[in-house]
């Protein structure tokens, strides 16, 4: 992976000045490379990572294993693309193993996700089966630890 991308991945808010120093190039070169990455689709967006327990949005996230029948001439891509367009879908991946797609969805509650699966996802022609797992707690997201352990403070030893 390009070194600039490696530096941006954990901190998309890094300044061009800091990136230029790390890469030993000018700020203008960094800005031009970032603009080129955005233009050619290498960088597709920027997001803020937050701890869902602390922001209190109350939403529910589920991981859905989806088995599908590949389409003639389209394979898995057409169905995956169609599923990815649903507002509830946060991520969609083609997988190896016992199922074909891993779909991560978000809803305001368990019932909303259940409705999405029953009324929208399962009714798509080519969907063979689904298995849903609800996220209970996040410990690490996109390489970032969400819960930092506080170090126990030792008591001073006195004679």
Protein backbone atom coordinates (compact mmCIF):
# COMPACT_ATOMS: atom_id res chain seq x y z
CA UNK A 1 0.00 0.00 0.00
CA UNK A 2 1.17 3.53 -0.72
CA UNK A 3 2.84 5.09 2.33
CA UNK A 4 0.56 8.15 2.17
CA UNK A 5 -2.50 5.90 2.36
CA UNK A 6 -0.94 4.03 5.30
CA UNK A 7 -0.58 7.34 7.14
CA UNK A 8 -4.13 8.46 6.32
CA UNK A 9 -5.84 5.20 7.28
CA UNK A 10 -5.63 5.60 11.07
CA UNK A 11 -5.98 9.39 10.93
CA UNK A 12 -7.83 10.88 7.96
CA UNK A 13 -7.59 14.28 9.67
CA UNK A 14 -3.79 14.36 9.56
CA UNK A 15 -2.61 17.72 8.24
CA UNK A 16 -0.79 18.01 4.94
CA UNK A 17 2.07 19.53 6.93
CA UNK A 18 2.40 16.46 9.18
CA UNK A 19 2.03 14.09 6.23
CA UNK A 20 4.67 16.00 4.24
CA UNK A 21 7.12 15.78 7.14
CA UNK A 22 6.53 12.04 7.52
CA UNK A 23 7.02 11.46 3.80
CA UNK A 24 9.83 13.98 3.35
CA UNK A 25 7.99 15.80 0.56
CA UNK A 26 6.29 19.20 0.21
CA UNK A 27 2.77 19.96 1.40
CA UNK A 28 1.81 20.73 -2.20
CA UNK A 29 2.91 17.22 -3.26
CA UNK A 30 0.82 15.67 -0.48
CA UNK A 31 -2.23 17.75 -1.45
CA UNK A 32 -1.83 16.80 -5.12
CA UNK A 33 -1.50 13.08 -4.32
CA UNK A 34 -4.53 13.13 -2.03
CA UNK A 35 -6.55 14.92 -4.71
CA UNK A 36 -5.43 12.32 -7.28
CA UNK A 37 -6.42 9.47 -4.93
CA UNK A 38 -9.85 11.06 -4.44
CA UNK A 39 -10.31 11.64 -8.18
CA UNK A 40 -9.38 8.09 -9.22
CA UNK A 41 -11.50 6.49 -6.48
CA UNK A 42 -8.67 5.12 -4.35
CA UNK A 43 -9.93 7.29 -1.49
CA UNK A 44 -13.71 6.93 -1.53
CA UNK A 45 -14.57 8.92 1.59
CA UNK A 46 -13.73 9.92 5.13
CA UNK A 47 -15.54 8.84 8.29
CA UNK A 48 -15.46 9.56 11.97
CA UNK A 49 -15.19 6.50 14.19
CA UNK A 50 -17.08 6.76 17.45
CA UNK A 51 -17.98 4.53 20.39
CA UNK A 52 -21.68 3.65 19.98
CA UNK A 53 -22.10 3.21 23.74
CA UNK A 54 -20.97 6.77 24.40
CA UNK A 55 -22.92 8.51 21.65
CA UNK A 56 -26.19 6.95 22.75
CA UNK A 57 -27.86 6.69 19.35
CA UNK A 58 -29.75 3.56 20.48
CA UNK A 59 -29.46 1.83 17.12
CA UNK A 60 -28.95 -1.90 16.70
CA UNK A 61 -26.42 -3.50 14.38
CA UNK A 62 -26.63 -7.00 12.94
CA UNK A 63 -24.40 -9.17 10.81
CA UNK A 64 -26.28 -11.27 8.29
CA UNK A 65 -24.84 -14.31 6.53
CA UNK A 66 -26.55 -14.58 3.15
CA UNK A 67 -26.52 -17.56 0.81
CA UNK A 68 -27.40 -16.67 -2.78
CA UNK A 69 -27.65 -18.28 -6.17
CA UNK A 70 -25.21 -16.58 -8.53
CA UNK A 71 -26.83 -15.07 -11.62
CA UNK A 72 -25.89 -16.12 -15.12
CA UNK A 73 -23.64 -13.46 -16.58
CA UNK A 74 -23.54 -11.48 -13.34
CA UNK A 75 -22.31 -13.94 -10.75
CA UNK A 76 -22.63 -12.54 -7.26
CA UNK A 77 -22.06 -8.92 -8.28
CA UNK A 78 -25.59 -7.96 -9.34
CA UNK A 79 -27.27 -9.31 -6.21
CA UNK A 80 -24.55 -7.87 -3.96
CA UNK A 81 -24.93 -4.50 -5.66
CA UNK A 82 -28.71 -4.59 -5.22
CA UNK A 83 -28.42 -5.51 -1.54
CA UNK A 84 -25.78 -2.82 -0.97
CA UNK A 85 -28.19 -0.10 -2.10
CA UNK A 86 -30.58 -0.59 0.82
CA UNK A 87 -30.36 2.25 3.33
CA UNK A 88 -30.06 -0.18 6.26
CA UNK A 89 -26.97 -1.85 4.77
CA UNK A 90 -23.75 -0.42 6.17
CA UNK A 91 -21.35 -2.92 4.55
CA UNK A 92 -21.58 -5.86 2.17
CA UNK A 93 -18.78 -8.34 1.43
CA UNK A 94 -18.38 -11.39 -0.81
CA UNK A 95 -17.06 -14.20 1.41
CA UNK A 96 -15.53 -17.63 1.10
CA UNK A 97 -16.84 -20.50 3.19
CA UNK A 98 -20.34 -21.54 4.20
CA UNK A 99 -22.18 -18.45 2.94
CA UNK A 100 -21.73 -16.02 0.07
CA UNK A 101 -22.31 -12.51 1.40
CA UNK A 102 -21.68 -10.90 4.76
CA UNK A 103 -24.09 -8.00 5.17
CA UNK A 104 -23.87 -5.55 8.08
CA UNK A 105 -27.09 -3.68 8.72
CA UNK A 106 -28.20 -1.02 11.17
CA UNK A 107 -31.71 -0.28 12.42
CA UNK A 108 -33.42 1.65 15.17
CA UNK A 109 -34.36 -1.58 17.01
CA UNK A 110 -34.54 -5.39 16.67
CA UNK A 111 -37.97 -5.21 15.05
CA UNK A 112 -36.76 -2.84 12.34
CA UNK A 113 -33.97 -5.23 11.40
CA UNK A 114 -36.35 -8.19 11.49
CA UNK A 115 -38.73 -6.32 9.15
CA UNK A 116 -35.89 -5.46 6.80
CA UNK A 117 -34.84 -9.11 6.58
CA UNK A 118 -38.38 -10.49 6.24
CA UNK A 119 -39.87 -7.91 3.90
CA UNK A 120 -36.96 -6.66 1.81
CA UNK A 121 -33.88 -8.89 1.93
CA UNK A 122 -35.43 -12.38 1.97
CA UNK A 123 -37.88 -11.55 -0.80
CA UNK A 124 -35.13 -10.90 -3.38
CA UNK A 125 -35.04 -13.58 -6.06
CA UNK A 126 -31.80 -15.52 -5.69
CA UNK A 127 -31.59 -15.33 -1.88
CA UNK A 128 -31.45 -18.91 -0.58
CA UNK A 129 -31.14 -18.27 3.15
CA UNK A 130 -30.01 -15.84 5.82
CA UNK A 131 -28.58 -16.18 9.33
CA UNK A 132 -28.63 -13.09 11.53
CA UNK A 133 -26.32 -12.26 14.43
CA UNK A 134 -26.86 -9.15 16.55
CA UNK A 135 -23.90 -7.13 17.76
CA UNK A 136 -23.93 -6.89 21.53
CA UNK A 137 -20.79 -4.90 22.26
CA UNK A 138 -17.89 -3.53 20.22
CA UNK A 139 -14.34 -3.79 21.53
CA UNK A 140 -12.40 -2.78 18.42
CA UNK A 141 -13.55 -1.03 15.25
CA UNK A 142 -11.49 -0.39 12.13
CA UNK A 143 -8.28 -1.12 14.01
CA UNK A 144 -9.11 1.19 16.92
CA UNK A 145 -9.70 -0.04 20.49
CA UNK A 146 -12.96 1.41 21.78
CA UNK A 147 -12.49 0.70 25.47
CA UNK A 148 -9.21 1.70 26.98
CA UNK A 149 -8.30 -0.10 30.15
CA UNK A 150 -7.29 2.17 32.98
CA UNK A 151 -4.10 1.12 34.68
CA UNK A 152 -4.62 0.31 38.33
CA UNK A 153 -2.85 2.83 40.50
CA UNK A 154 -0.43 1.37 42.98
CA UNK A 155 -0.38 2.59 46.50
CA UNK A 156 2.80 4.24 47.69
CA UNK A 157 5.00 1.99 49.76
CA UNK A 158 6.28 3.55 52.95
CA UNK A 159 8.62 2.09 55.54
